[in-house]
């Protein structure tokens, strides 16, 4: 029975393990592939188009190494700037300046912006190596930043106004 299943597989077990390793490499570079990308990789390797359900079965066969997850994108510039030490330093400096200058809450405001990529849905299903996803640091795919955006700007005062 096991031999019959192997004959029906599009990729040899060795080629599947190579694909698992390639997915892990992409995840370590913060570029987890989408399901369509994995399907495309497999099609190139075996020389013909694999079916839509092939990726699901592939991930199930390699469930100890791979996990499909929903993600949202993060711009590469934001990823590079994202660290606890930078946030901590910023708020320490902010607190110091507010104390030095005697700034009252009614004179303190926060503005923020939220960008929406035109024509892009916020989340997509991607295939992660289980190791990378468990690490919890690499759960977002990087965007190349070369897209058209709409921006929303909000402002609120520290006193609630």
N, C-alpha and C. Protein backbone atom coordinates (compact mmCIF):
# COMPACT_ATOMS: atom_id res chain seq x y z
N UNK A 1 0.83 -1.20 0.00
CA UNK A 1 0.00 0.00 0.00
C UNK A 1 0.87 1.26 0.00
N UNK A 2 1.91 1.29 0.85
CA UNK A 2 2.81 2.44 0.94
C UNK A 2 3.50 2.69 -0.40
N UNK A 3 3.89 1.61 -1.11
CA UNK A 3 4.55 1.73 -2.41
C UNK A 3 3.60 2.37 -3.42
N UNK A 4 2.32 2.00 -3.39
CA UNK A 4 1.32 2.56 -4.31
C UNK A 4 1.16 4.06 -4.08
N UNK A 5 1.15 4.47 -2.82
CA UNK A 5 1.04 5.89 -2.48
C UNK A 5 2.24 6.65 -3.01
N UNK A 6 3.45 6.08 -2.84
CA UNK A 6 4.66 6.74 -3.34
C UNK A 6 4.62 6.91 -4.85
N UNK A 7 4.06 5.93 -5.56
CA UNK A 7 3.98 6.02 -7.02
C UNK A 7 3.02 7.12 -7.45
N UNK A 8 2.02 7.42 -6.62
CA UNK A 8 1.03 8.45 -6.96
C UNK A 8 1.50 9.86 -6.58
N UNK A 9 2.55 9.98 -5.80
CA UNK A 9 3.04 11.30 -5.40
C UNK A 9 3.70 12.00 -6.58
N UNK A 10 3.48 13.30 -6.67
CA UNK A 10 4.07 14.08 -7.76
C UNK A 10 5.57 14.26 -7.59
N UNK A 11 6.03 14.38 -6.35
CA UNK A 11 7.46 14.55 -6.08
C UNK A 11 7.96 13.34 -5.29
N UNK A 12 9.21 12.99 -5.50
CA UNK A 12 9.80 11.92 -4.70
C UNK A 12 9.95 12.42 -3.27
N UNK A 13 10.04 11.51 -2.30
CA UNK A 13 10.25 11.95 -0.91
C UNK A 13 11.49 12.85 -0.78
N UNK A 14 12.54 12.55 -1.51
CA UNK A 14 13.76 13.37 -1.47
C UNK A 14 13.47 14.78 -1.97
N UNK A 15 12.75 14.90 -3.10
CA UNK A 15 12.43 16.23 -3.66
C UNK A 15 11.51 17.00 -2.71
N UNK A 16 10.60 16.29 -2.05
CA UNK A 16 9.73 16.96 -1.08
C UNK A 16 10.54 17.52 0.08
N UNK A 17 11.53 16.76 0.55
CA UNK A 17 12.37 17.26 1.65
C UNK A 17 13.20 18.47 1.20
N UNK A 18 13.64 18.47 -0.05
CA UNK A 18 14.34 19.64 -0.58
C UNK A 18 13.41 20.86 -0.59
N UNK A 19 12.15 20.65 -0.96
CA UNK A 19 11.19 21.75 -0.97
C UNK A 19 10.93 22.24 0.46
N UNK A 20 10.82 21.33 1.41
CA UNK A 20 10.66 21.72 2.82
C UNK A 20 11.84 22.58 3.26
N UNK A 21 13.06 22.16 2.91
CA UNK A 21 14.26 22.93 3.26
C UNK A 21 14.25 24.31 2.61
N UNK A 22 13.78 24.39 1.36
CA UNK A 22 13.71 25.68 0.66
C UNK A 22 12.70 26.60 1.34
N UNK A 23 11.56 26.06 1.75
CA UNK A 23 10.55 26.86 2.47
C UNK A 23 11.14 27.37 3.78
N UNK A 24 11.88 26.52 4.49
CA UNK A 24 12.53 26.94 5.73
C UNK A 24 13.51 28.08 5.47
N UNK A 25 14.28 27.96 4.40
CA UNK A 25 15.24 29.02 4.03
C UNK A 25 14.51 30.33 3.75
N UNK A 26 13.42 30.27 2.99
CA UNK A 26 12.64 31.49 2.71
C UNK A 26 12.11 32.10 4.00
N UNK A 27 11.63 31.28 4.92
CA UNK A 27 11.10 31.78 6.20
C UNK A 27 12.19 32.46 7.02
N UNK A 28 13.39 31.90 7.02
CA UNK A 28 14.50 32.52 7.76
C UNK A 28 14.87 33.87 7.16
N UNK A 29 14.56 34.07 5.89
CA UNK A 29 14.81 35.36 5.23
C UNK A 29 13.58 36.27 5.29
N UNK A 30 12.60 35.89 6.12
CA UNK A 30 11.36 36.66 6.33
C UNK A 30 10.52 36.73 5.06
N UNK A 31 10.56 35.68 4.25
CA UNK A 31 9.79 35.62 3.01
C UNK A 31 9.00 34.32 2.93
N UNK A 32 8.10 34.06 3.90
CA UNK A 32 7.34 32.80 3.84
C UNK A 32 6.51 32.75 2.56
N UNK A 33 6.54 31.63 1.84
CA UNK A 33 5.81 31.56 0.58
C UNK A 33 4.31 31.41 0.77
N UNK A 34 3.55 31.91 -0.19
CA UNK A 34 2.11 31.69 -0.20
C UNK A 34 1.85 30.27 -0.70
N UNK A 35 0.62 29.81 -0.57
CA UNK A 35 0.25 28.49 -1.07
C UNK A 35 0.46 28.42 -2.59
N UNK A 36 0.13 29.49 -3.30
CA UNK A 36 0.33 29.53 -4.75
C UNK A 36 1.81 29.40 -5.11
N UNK A 37 2.67 30.02 -4.31
CA UNK A 37 4.11 29.93 -4.57
C UNK A 37 4.60 28.49 -4.38
N UNK A 38 4.15 27.83 -3.30
CA UNK A 38 4.55 26.44 -3.05
C UNK A 38 4.06 25.55 -4.20
N UNK A 39 2.84 25.80 -4.65
CA UNK A 39 2.29 25.04 -5.79
C UNK A 39 3.16 25.27 -7.03
N UNK A 40 3.56 26.50 -7.26
CA UNK A 40 4.41 26.83 -8.41
C UNK A 40 5.77 26.14 -8.30
N UNK A 41 6.38 26.18 -7.11
CA UNK A 41 7.68 25.52 -6.91
C UNK A 41 7.57 24.03 -7.24
N UNK A 42 6.52 23.38 -6.72
CA UNK A 42 6.34 21.94 -6.95
C UNK A 42 6.13 21.65 -8.44
N UNK A 43 5.37 22.50 -9.11
CA UNK A 43 5.12 22.32 -10.55
C UNK A 43 6.42 22.41 -11.35
N UNK A 44 7.28 23.34 -10.97
CA UNK A 44 8.57 23.47 -11.66
C UNK A 44 9.43 22.22 -11.42
N UNK A 45 9.45 21.74 -10.18
CA UNK A 45 10.28 20.58 -9.85
C UNK A 45 9.81 19.32 -10.60
N UNK A 46 8.49 19.08 -10.62
CA UNK A 46 8.02 17.83 -11.24
C UNK A 46 7.77 17.96 -12.74
N UNK A 47 7.75 19.17 -13.27
CA UNK A 47 7.63 19.35 -14.71
C UNK A 47 6.22 19.42 -15.24
N UNK A 48 5.23 19.43 -14.37
CA UNK A 48 3.84 19.62 -14.79
C UNK A 48 3.07 20.29 -13.66
N UNK A 49 1.92 20.85 -13.98
CA UNK A 49 1.11 21.60 -13.01
C UNK A 49 0.52 20.67 -11.96
N UNK A 50 0.86 20.90 -10.69
CA UNK A 50 0.23 20.11 -9.61
C UNK A 50 -1.11 20.76 -9.28
N UNK A 51 -2.02 19.98 -8.72
CA UNK A 51 -3.36 20.48 -8.41
C UNK A 51 -3.39 21.42 -7.22
N UNK A 52 -4.52 22.13 -7.07
CA UNK A 52 -4.70 23.09 -5.97
C UNK A 52 -4.61 22.41 -4.60
N UNK A 53 -5.09 21.17 -4.51
CA UNK A 53 -5.08 20.49 -3.21
C UNK A 53 -3.73 19.86 -2.88
N UNK A 54 -2.81 19.88 -3.83
CA UNK A 54 -1.50 19.27 -3.59
C UNK A 54 -0.80 19.93 -2.40
N UNK A 55 -0.87 21.26 -2.30
CA UNK A 55 -0.19 21.97 -1.21
C UNK A 55 -0.74 21.52 0.15
N UNK A 56 -2.06 21.37 0.25
CA UNK A 56 -2.67 20.92 1.51
C UNK A 56 -2.13 19.56 1.90
N UNK A 57 -2.09 18.63 0.95
CA UNK A 57 -1.59 17.28 1.24
C UNK A 57 -0.10 17.31 1.57
N UNK A 58 0.65 18.15 0.86
CA UNK A 58 2.09 18.29 1.10
C UNK A 58 2.35 18.78 2.52
N UNK A 59 1.63 19.82 2.94
CA UNK A 59 1.80 20.36 4.30
C UNK A 59 1.39 19.31 5.34
N UNK A 60 0.33 18.55 5.06
CA UNK A 60 -0.08 17.49 5.99
C UNK A 60 0.99 16.40 6.10
N UNK A 61 1.61 16.05 4.97
CA UNK A 61 2.67 15.03 5.00
C UNK A 61 3.87 15.50 5.80
N UNK A 62 4.09 16.81 5.83
CA UNK A 62 5.26 17.38 6.51
C UNK A 62 4.83 18.28 7.67
N UNK A 63 3.77 17.84 8.37
CA UNK A 63 3.20 18.67 9.45
C UNK A 63 4.17 18.94 10.59
N UNK A 64 5.19 18.11 10.75
CA UNK A 64 6.18 18.37 11.82
C UNK A 64 7.12 19.50 11.44
N UNK A 65 7.25 19.77 10.15
CA UNK A 65 8.18 20.80 9.67
C UNK A 65 7.48 22.05 9.16
N UNK A 66 6.21 21.93 8.71
CA UNK A 66 5.52 23.06 8.08
C UNK A 66 4.20 23.35 8.77
N UNK A 67 3.77 24.60 8.71
CA UNK A 67 2.48 24.99 9.24
C UNK A 67 1.90 26.12 8.40
N UNK A 68 0.65 25.96 7.92
CA UNK A 68 0.02 27.06 7.17
C UNK A 68 -0.59 28.06 8.15
N UNK A 69 -0.38 29.35 7.93
CA UNK A 69 -0.88 30.38 8.84
C UNK A 69 -1.34 31.60 8.04
N UNK A 70 -2.32 32.31 8.60
CA UNK A 70 -2.75 33.57 8.01
C UNK A 70 -1.80 34.66 8.47
N UNK A 71 -1.40 35.53 7.56
CA UNK A 71 -0.47 36.61 7.90
C UNK A 71 -0.95 37.92 7.32
N UNK A 72 -0.37 38.99 7.84
CA UNK A 72 -0.53 40.31 7.23
C UNK A 72 0.87 40.83 6.96
N UNK A 73 1.00 41.69 6.00
CA UNK A 73 2.32 42.14 5.57
C UNK A 73 2.86 43.26 6.46
N UNK A 74 4.19 43.38 6.50
CA UNK A 74 4.87 44.46 7.21
C UNK A 74 5.93 45.01 6.26
N UNK A 75 5.96 46.32 6.12
CA UNK A 75 6.96 46.94 5.26
C UNK A 75 8.35 46.65 5.80
N UNK A 76 9.30 46.42 4.92
CA UNK A 76 10.66 46.06 5.34
C UNK A 76 11.29 47.15 6.20
N UNK A 77 10.97 48.42 5.94
CA UNK A 77 11.52 49.52 6.75
C UNK A 77 11.00 49.45 8.18
N UNK A 78 9.72 49.10 8.34
CA UNK A 78 9.14 49.00 9.68
C UNK A 78 9.75 47.83 10.43
N UNK A 79 9.97 46.73 9.74
CA UNK A 79 10.57 45.56 10.38
C UNK A 79 11.97 45.90 10.90
N UNK A 80 12.75 46.60 10.10
CA UNK A 80 14.12 46.96 10.49
C UNK A 80 14.12 47.89 11.70
N UNK A 81 13.10 48.74 11.84
CA UNK A 81 13.05 49.71 12.94
C UNK A 81 12.38 49.16 14.20
N UNK A 82 11.82 47.97 14.14
CA UNK A 82 11.02 47.41 15.22
C UNK A 82 11.89 46.68 16.24
N UNK A 83 12.08 47.31 17.43
CA UNK A 83 12.81 46.62 18.49
C UNK A 83 12.41 47.20 19.85
N UNK A 84 12.43 46.35 20.88
CA UNK A 84 12.07 46.77 22.23
C UNK A 84 12.98 47.89 22.72
N UNK A 85 14.28 47.77 22.47
CA UNK A 85 15.22 48.77 22.99
C UNK A 85 14.95 50.15 22.38
N UNK A 86 14.57 50.19 21.10
CA UNK A 86 14.27 51.48 20.47
C UNK A 86 13.00 52.10 21.06
N UNK A 87 11.97 51.27 21.30
CA UNK A 87 10.74 51.79 21.91
C UNK A 87 11.01 52.28 23.32
N UNK A 88 11.75 51.50 24.08
CA UNK A 88 12.06 51.86 25.46
C UNK A 88 12.84 53.17 25.52
N UNK A 89 13.85 53.30 24.69
CA UNK A 89 14.64 54.53 24.63
C UNK A 89 13.77 55.73 24.26
N UNK A 90 12.89 55.55 23.28
CA UNK A 90 12.00 56.64 22.86
C UNK A 90 11.13 57.12 24.02
N UNK A 91 10.47 56.19 24.72
CA UNK A 91 9.56 56.60 25.79
C UNK A 91 10.31 57.15 27.01
N UNK A 92 11.50 56.67 27.27
CA UNK A 92 12.32 57.25 28.34
C UNK A 92 12.66 58.71 28.01
N UNK A 93 13.06 58.94 26.77
CA UNK A 93 13.40 60.31 26.33
C UNK A 93 12.16 61.20 26.33
N UNK A 94 11.02 60.67 25.90
CA UNK A 94 9.77 61.44 25.88
C UNK A 94 9.38 61.86 27.30
N UNK A 95 9.44 60.92 28.23
CA UNK A 95 9.10 61.22 29.62
C UNK A 95 10.02 62.29 30.20
N UNK A 96 11.30 62.20 29.89
CA UNK A 96 12.27 63.19 30.35
C UNK A 96 11.94 64.58 29.80
N UNK A 97 11.65 64.69 28.52
CA UNK A 97 11.35 65.98 27.89
C UNK A 97 10.04 66.57 28.42
N UNK A 98 9.04 65.73 28.64
CA UNK A 98 7.77 66.22 29.19
C UNK A 98 8.00 66.79 30.59
N UNK A 99 8.81 66.12 31.41
CA UNK A 99 9.13 66.61 32.76
C UNK A 99 9.94 67.90 32.70
N UNK A 100 10.98 67.92 31.85
CA UNK A 100 11.84 69.10 31.72
C UNK A 100 11.05 70.33 31.31
N UNK A 101 10.15 70.19 30.38
CA UNK A 101 9.41 71.32 29.82
C UNK A 101 8.10 71.61 30.55
N UNK A 102 7.71 70.73 31.49
CA UNK A 102 6.47 70.94 32.23
C UNK A 102 5.24 70.90 31.34
N UNK A 103 5.21 70.02 30.40
CA UNK A 103 4.09 69.95 29.44
C UNK A 103 2.90 69.26 30.10
N UNK A 104 1.74 69.92 30.05
CA UNK A 104 0.51 69.41 30.65
C UNK A 104 -0.21 68.49 29.67
N UNK A 105 -1.03 67.55 30.18
CA UNK A 105 -1.76 66.63 29.30
C UNK A 105 -2.63 67.33 28.26
N UNK A 106 -3.23 68.48 28.63
CA UNK A 106 -4.09 69.17 27.65
C UNK A 106 -3.30 69.78 26.49
N UNK A 107 -1.99 69.81 26.61
CA UNK A 107 -1.12 70.29 25.54
C UNK A 107 -0.33 69.15 24.87
N UNK A 108 -0.79 67.94 25.12
CA UNK A 108 -0.11 66.76 24.56
C UNK A 108 -1.05 66.05 23.60
N UNK A 109 -0.59 65.85 22.40
CA UNK A 109 -1.40 65.21 21.36
C UNK A 109 -0.62 64.08 20.70
N UNK A 110 -1.37 63.16 20.18
CA UNK A 110 -0.77 62.08 19.40
C UNK A 110 -1.45 62.03 18.03
N UNK A 111 -0.64 61.94 17.03
CA UNK A 111 -1.16 61.74 15.67
C UNK A 111 -0.64 60.41 15.18
N UNK A 112 -1.47 59.74 14.42
CA UNK A 112 -1.05 58.45 13.85
C UNK A 112 -1.65 58.33 12.47
N UNK A 113 -1.00 57.53 11.66
CA UNK A 113 -1.51 57.28 10.32
C UNK A 113 -1.61 55.78 10.11
N UNK A 114 -2.54 55.42 9.27
CA UNK A 114 -2.70 54.01 8.89
C UNK A 114 -2.80 53.98 7.38
N UNK A 115 -1.92 53.22 6.77
CA UNK A 115 -1.93 53.10 5.31
C UNK A 115 -2.66 51.85 4.87
N UNK A 116 -3.40 51.97 3.79
CA UNK A 116 -4.11 50.85 3.20
C UNK A 116 -3.62 50.69 1.77
N UNK A 117 -3.13 49.50 1.45
CA UNK A 117 -2.64 49.25 0.10
C UNK A 117 -3.84 49.04 -0.82
N UNK A 118 -3.89 49.79 -1.89
CA UNK A 118 -5.00 49.70 -2.84
C UNK A 118 -4.94 48.35 -3.54
N UNK A 119 -6.10 47.67 -3.57
CA UNK A 119 -6.19 46.40 -4.28
C UNK A 119 -5.56 45.23 -3.58
N UNK A 120 -5.21 45.38 -2.30
CA UNK A 120 -4.56 44.27 -1.58
C UNK A 120 -5.40 43.91 -0.37
N UNK A 121 -5.69 42.65 -0.23
CA UNK A 121 -6.41 42.16 0.95
C UNK A 121 -5.41 42.07 2.09
N UNK A 122 -5.86 42.39 3.30
CA UNK A 122 -4.96 42.48 4.44
C UNK A 122 -4.25 41.21 4.84
N UNK A 123 -4.89 40.06 4.71
CA UNK A 123 -4.26 38.83 5.17
C UNK A 123 -4.20 37.83 4.02
N UNK A 124 -3.22 36.95 4.10
CA UNK A 124 -3.14 35.86 3.14
C UNK A 124 -2.56 34.64 3.83
N UNK A 125 -2.86 33.48 3.28
CA UNK A 125 -2.37 32.23 3.86
C UNK A 125 -0.98 31.95 3.31
N UNK A 126 -0.05 31.70 4.22
CA UNK A 126 1.32 31.40 3.83
C UNK A 126 1.77 30.13 4.52
N UNK A 127 2.79 29.50 3.96
CA UNK A 127 3.33 28.26 4.51
C UNK A 127 4.66 28.59 5.19
N UNK A 128 4.72 28.33 6.49
CA UNK A 128 5.91 28.60 7.29
C UNK A 128 6.60 27.30 7.65
N UNK A 129 7.91 27.36 7.83
CA UNK A 129 8.56 26.24 8.50
C UNK A 129 8.10 26.34 9.95
N UNK A 130 7.83 25.21 10.55
CA UNK A 130 7.31 25.22 11.93
C UNK A 130 8.31 25.88 12.88
N UNK A 131 9.60 25.68 12.63
CA UNK A 131 10.65 26.28 13.46
C UNK A 131 10.57 27.80 13.42
N UNK A 132 10.48 28.36 12.22
CA UNK A 132 10.42 29.82 12.08
C UNK A 132 9.15 30.38 12.71
N UNK A 133 8.01 29.70 12.53
CA UNK A 133 6.76 30.21 13.07
C UNK A 133 6.76 30.13 14.60
N UNK A 134 7.34 29.06 15.15
CA UNK A 134 7.42 28.91 16.61
C UNK A 134 8.29 29.98 17.23
N UNK A 135 9.25 30.48 16.48
CA UNK A 135 10.16 31.52 16.95
C UNK A 135 9.41 32.80 17.30
N UNK A 136 8.24 33.03 16.71
CA UNK A 136 7.35 34.17 16.96
C UNK A 136 7.91 35.51 16.50
N UNK A 137 9.08 35.53 15.89
CA UNK A 137 9.63 36.79 15.41
C UNK A 137 9.35 36.99 13.93
N UNK A 138 9.04 35.93 13.23
CA UNK A 138 8.93 36.00 11.78
C UNK A 138 7.54 35.57 11.33
N UNK A 139 6.52 36.26 11.76
CA UNK A 139 5.16 35.88 11.42
C UNK A 139 4.53 36.79 10.39
N UNK A 140 5.32 37.69 9.83
CA UNK A 140 4.80 38.59 8.81
C UNK A 140 5.71 38.55 7.61
N UNK A 141 5.10 38.60 6.45
CA UNK A 141 5.90 38.67 5.22
C UNK A 141 6.29 40.11 4.97
N UNK A 142 7.45 40.32 4.42
CA UNK A 142 7.90 41.67 4.10
C UNK A 142 7.29 42.12 2.78
N UNK A 143 6.99 43.39 2.68
CA UNK A 143 6.51 43.99 1.44
C UNK A 143 7.65 44.76 0.82
N UNK A 144 7.67 44.86 -0.47
CA UNK A 144 8.75 45.59 -1.14
C UNK A 144 8.55 47.10 -1.09
N UNK A 145 7.39 47.57 -0.64
CA UNK A 145 7.14 49.00 -0.50
C UNK A 145 6.80 49.70 -1.81
N UNK A 146 6.71 48.97 -2.88
CA UNK A 146 6.47 49.56 -4.19
C UNK A 146 5.00 49.41 -4.56
N UNK A 147 4.09 50.04 -3.80
CA UNK A 147 2.66 49.93 -4.02
C UNK A 147 2.00 51.30 -3.83
N UNK A 148 0.76 51.42 -4.27
CA UNK A 148 0.00 52.65 -4.10
C UNK A 148 -0.84 52.52 -2.82
N UNK A 149 -0.86 53.57 -2.01
CA UNK A 149 -1.51 53.54 -0.71
C UNK A 149 -2.52 54.68 -0.55
N UNK A 150 -3.50 54.46 0.33
CA UNK A 150 -4.39 55.50 0.83
C UNK A 150 -4.07 55.62 2.31
N UNK A 151 -3.98 56.84 2.83
CA UNK A 151 -3.57 57.05 4.21
C UNK A 151 -4.69 57.70 5.02
N UNK A 152 -4.93 57.19 6.23
CA UNK A 152 -5.88 57.73 7.18
C UNK A 152 -5.07 58.33 8.32
N UNK A 153 -5.38 59.57 8.73
CA UNK A 153 -4.65 60.23 9.81
C UNK A 153 -5.63 60.52 10.95
N UNK A 154 -5.22 60.16 12.19
CA UNK A 154 -6.05 60.40 13.37
C UNK A 154 -5.24 61.20 14.39
N UNK A 155 -5.94 62.00 15.20
CA UNK A 155 -5.28 62.81 16.22
C UNK A 155 -6.13 62.79 17.48
N UNK A 156 -5.47 62.63 18.65
CA UNK A 156 -6.18 62.63 19.92
C UNK A 156 -5.30 63.31 20.97
N UNK A 157 -5.94 64.01 21.91
CA UNK A 157 -5.21 64.69 22.98
C UNK A 157 -5.10 63.79 24.20
N UNK A 158 -4.02 63.97 25.00
CA UNK A 158 -3.81 63.17 26.21
C UNK A 158 -4.90 63.42 27.24
N UNK A 159 -5.55 64.58 27.18
CA UNK A 159 -6.62 64.87 28.13
C UNK A 159 -7.96 64.31 27.66
N UNK A 160 -7.96 63.61 26.53
CA UNK A 160 -9.19 63.00 26.03
C UNK A 160 -9.89 63.82 24.97
N UNK A 161 -9.36 64.97 24.65
CA UNK A 161 -9.97 65.85 23.64
C UNK A 161 -9.32 65.62 22.30
